[in-house]
Amino acid sequence: MNTHRCCSLLLLLSLLGVAPGFAQLNQGSATSATNYYFAKPNELTLIVSVVGFVQRPGRYEISSTVDLVNLMALAGGPTADGAMNDVKLTRLIESGGQIRTREIHLNLEEISKITSNELKLQPGDILQVDRTGWSSFRDTFTVIVGVAVVTSAVAQVMYATKH
């Protein structure tokens, strides 16, 4: 019986080495940034950035007719972990020779409640999509389960060595 328990523990411990890699494959994350160009030749453009949990984050040179919704579409929309209910638009505002930022929080899940002025992009705007609360909970739960499995394995080894 002790040989059977030791073999089971060795199998469990070897699986623990594989599990963290598998958990990392399932996590959605922000990918590296790239430059994109979406405008017709000789068309007036503006440069904006899309960061966070979107399919194609990066720096976008876009037509001045592209609005926030179209920019999100160009960026491929949110990743599986992207939260559309609190998208942050950071806008650079110049007044009196000083540049300051203004943060506008938008719920893109209820787009009918957003004004047309909030949808209009300006040069230098930064659109940020954060993680959903569910993804944070899921990642925390994954860590807790991993710790519980390791603790259980250590307890089993300690029990097997005593008996």
Protein backbone atom coordinates (compact mmCIF):
# COMPACT_ATOMS: atom_id res chain seq x y z
CA MET A 1 0.00 0.00 0.00
CA ASN A 2 2.88 2.41 0.74
CA THR A 3 4.30 1.84 -2.77
CA HIS A 4 0.91 2.64 -4.27
CA ARG A 5 0.65 5.89 -2.26
CA CYS A 6 4.20 6.94 -3.17
CA CYS A 7 3.49 6.35 -6.88
CA SER A 8 0.27 8.36 -6.60
CA LEU A 9 2.13 11.20 -4.91
CA LEU A 10 4.87 11.20 -7.56
CA LEU A 11 2.20 11.35 -10.29
CA LEU A 12 0.43 14.21 -8.49
CA LEU A 13 3.64 16.15 -8.04
CA SER A 14 4.57 15.70 -11.72
CA LEU A 15 1.14 17.04 -12.70
CA LEU A 16 1.75 20.09 -10.53
CA GLY A 17 4.67 20.97 -12.77
CA VAL A 18 2.36 20.97 -15.83
CA ALA A 19 -0.60 22.80 -14.25
CA PRO A 20 1.00 26.28 -13.89
CA GLY A 21 1.93 26.31 -17.60
CA PHE A 22 -1.60 25.27 -18.56
CA ALA A 23 -3.08 28.05 -16.40
CA GLN A 24 -0.89 30.61 -18.15
CA LEU A 25 -2.11 29.46 -21.56
CA ASN A 26 -5.71 30.12 -20.56
CA GLN A 27 -5.15 33.62 -19.22
CA GLY A 28 -6.14 36.47 -21.52
CA SER A 29 -3.68 39.31 -21.46
CA ALA A 30 -2.84 42.51 -23.22
CA THR A 31 -0.60 41.86 -26.21
CA SER A 32 2.30 43.95 -27.43
CA ALA A 33 1.58 47.24 -29.15
CA THR A 34 1.88 47.98 -32.87
CA ASN A 35 1.31 50.94 -35.17
CA TYR A 36 -1.77 50.96 -37.41
CA TYR A 37 -2.88 53.30 -40.21
CA PHE A 38 -6.57 53.60 -41.21
CA ALA A 39 -7.18 56.52 -43.57
CA LYS A 40 -7.48 57.31 -47.26
CA PRO A 41 -4.58 59.08 -48.97
CA ASN A 42 -4.51 62.86 -48.28
CA GLU A 43 -7.23 62.51 -45.65
CA LEU A 44 -6.95 64.48 -42.41
CA THR A 45 -5.80 62.08 -39.67
CA LEU A 46 -5.27 62.03 -35.94
CA ILE A 47 -3.15 59.77 -33.76
CA VAL A 48 -4.71 57.92 -30.83
CA SER A 49 -3.70 54.92 -28.74
CA VAL A 50 -5.61 51.85 -27.63
CA VAL A 51 -4.18 49.97 -24.65
CA GLY A 52 -5.18 47.17 -22.31
CA PHE A 53 -7.30 44.14 -22.93
CA VAL A 54 -8.17 44.53 -26.62
CA GLN A 55 -7.31 42.21 -29.51
CA ARG A 56 -4.96 44.68 -31.26
CA PRO A 57 -3.59 47.31 -28.88
CA GLY A 58 -1.34 49.99 -30.32
CA ARG A 59 -0.93 53.42 -31.81
CA TYR A 60 -3.54 54.23 -34.45
CA GLU A 61 -3.33 56.91 -37.12
CA ILE A 62 -6.95 57.16 -38.17
CA SER A 63 -9.23 59.31 -40.26
CA SER A 64 -10.70 62.23 -38.35
CA THR A 65 -14.15 60.76 -39.12
CA VAL A 66 -13.48 57.60 -37.05
CA ASP A 67 -15.24 57.69 -33.68
CA LEU A 68 -14.63 55.73 -30.47
CA VAL A 69 -16.90 52.82 -31.44
CA ASN A 70 -15.18 52.47 -34.82
CA LEU A 71 -11.77 52.62 -33.11
CA MET A 72 -12.79 49.77 -30.80
CA ALA A 73 -13.82 47.79 -33.88
CA LEU A 74 -10.47 48.52 -35.56
CA ALA A 75 -8.75 47.29 -32.39
CA GLY A 76 -10.67 44.02 -32.70
CA GLY A 77 -12.83 44.58 -29.64
CA PRO A 78 -12.04 43.38 -26.15
CA THR A 79 -10.21 40.17 -25.29
CA ALA A 80 -12.06 37.56 -23.23
CA ASP A 81 -10.86 39.41 -20.11
CA GLY A 82 -11.68 42.92 -21.36
CA ALA A 83 -14.28 44.94 -19.44
CA MET A 84 -16.46 47.06 -21.72
CA ASN A 85 -18.50 48.51 -18.84
CA ASP A 86 -15.73 50.87 -17.69
CA VAL A 87 -13.56 51.95 -20.61
CA LYS A 88 -11.31 54.89 -19.78
CA LEU A 89 -10.67 57.63 -22.34
CA THR A 90 -7.75 59.85 -21.35
CA ARG A 91 -7.79 63.15 -23.18
CA LEU A 92 -5.00 65.74 -23.33
CA ILE A 93 -6.35 69.25 -22.77
CA GLU A 94 -4.30 72.39 -23.35
CA SER A 95 -5.33 75.54 -21.56
CA GLY A 96 -3.28 78.60 -20.71
CA GLY A 97 -0.09 77.06 -22.06
CA GLN A 98 -0.40 74.04 -19.77
CA ILE A 99 -1.29 70.51 -20.74
CA ARG A 100 -3.42 68.45 -18.39
CA THR A 101 -5.31 65.21 -18.73
CA ARG A 102 -9.00 64.50 -18.34
CA GLU A 103 -10.29 60.99 -17.75
CA ILE A 104 -13.67 60.06 -19.14
CA HIS A 105 -15.16 56.73 -18.01
CA LEU A 106 -17.53 55.19 -20.53
CA ASN A 107 -19.83 52.19 -20.33
CA LEU A 108 -19.67 50.78 -23.86
CA GLU A 109 -22.17 48.08 -22.90
CA GLU A 110 -24.80 50.86 -22.74
CA ILE A 111 -23.70 52.86 -25.76
CA SER A 112 -27.07 54.57 -26.18
CA LYS A 113 -26.35 56.57 -22.99
CA ILE A 114 -23.10 58.04 -24.38
CA THR A 115 -23.21 61.48 -25.99
CA SER A 116 -21.86 62.12 -29.47
CA ASN A 117 -19.21 64.47 -28.00
CA GLU A 118 -17.86 61.61 -25.87
CA LEU A 119 -17.67 59.37 -28.95
CA LYS A 120 -15.72 61.94 -30.99
CA LEU A 121 -11.97 61.35 -30.79
CA GLN A 122 -9.31 64.03 -30.50
CA PRO A 123 -5.58 63.87 -31.27
CA GLY A 124 -3.62 62.20 -28.49
CA ASP A 125 -6.61 60.38 -26.95
CA ILE A 126 -5.76 57.15 -25.12
CA LEU A 127 -8.44 54.48 -24.90
CA GLN A 128 -7.86 51.95 -22.10
CA VAL A 129 -9.79 48.71 -21.60
CA ASP A 130 -9.25 47.14 -18.17
CA ARG A 131 -9.77 43.57 -16.96
CA THR A 132 -13.13 42.26 -15.86
CA GLY A 133 -13.67 41.54 -12.19
CA TRP A 134 -14.40 37.92 -13.14
CA SER A 135 -10.92 37.41 -14.60
CA SER A 136 -9.30 38.69 -11.41
CA PHE A 137 -11.46 36.33 -9.35
CA ARG A 138 -10.65 33.44 -11.69
CA ASP A 139 -6.90 34.08 -11.44
CA THR A 140 -7.07 34.35 -7.63
CA PHE A 141 -9.07 31.12 -7.45
CA THR A 142 -6.48 29.37 -9.65
CA VAL A 143 -3.71 30.37 -7.23
CA ILE A 144 -5.74 29.23 -4.22
CA VAL A 145 -6.43 25.85 -5.83
CA GLY A 146 -2.73 25.45 -6.65
CA VAL A 147 -1.73 26.21 -3.06
CA ALA A 148 -4.37 23.75 -1.77
CA VAL A 149 -3.08 20.99 -4.07
CA VAL A 150 0.53 21.56 -3.00
CA THR A 151 -0.49 21.61 0.68
CA SER A 152 -2.44 18.39 0.23
CA ALA A 153 0.51 16.74 -1.54
CA VAL A 154 2.91 17.77 1.23
CA ALA A 155 0.51 16.42 3.86
CA GLN A 156 0.22 13.12 1.97
CA VAL A 157 4.01 12.82 1.75
CA MET A 158 4.37 13.55 5.47
CA TYR A 159 1.68 10.97 6.27
CA ALA A 160 3.27 8.35 3.99
CA THR A 161 6.73 8.81 5.53
CA LYS A 162 5.34 8.36 9.08
CA HIS A 163 3.50 5.13 8.24
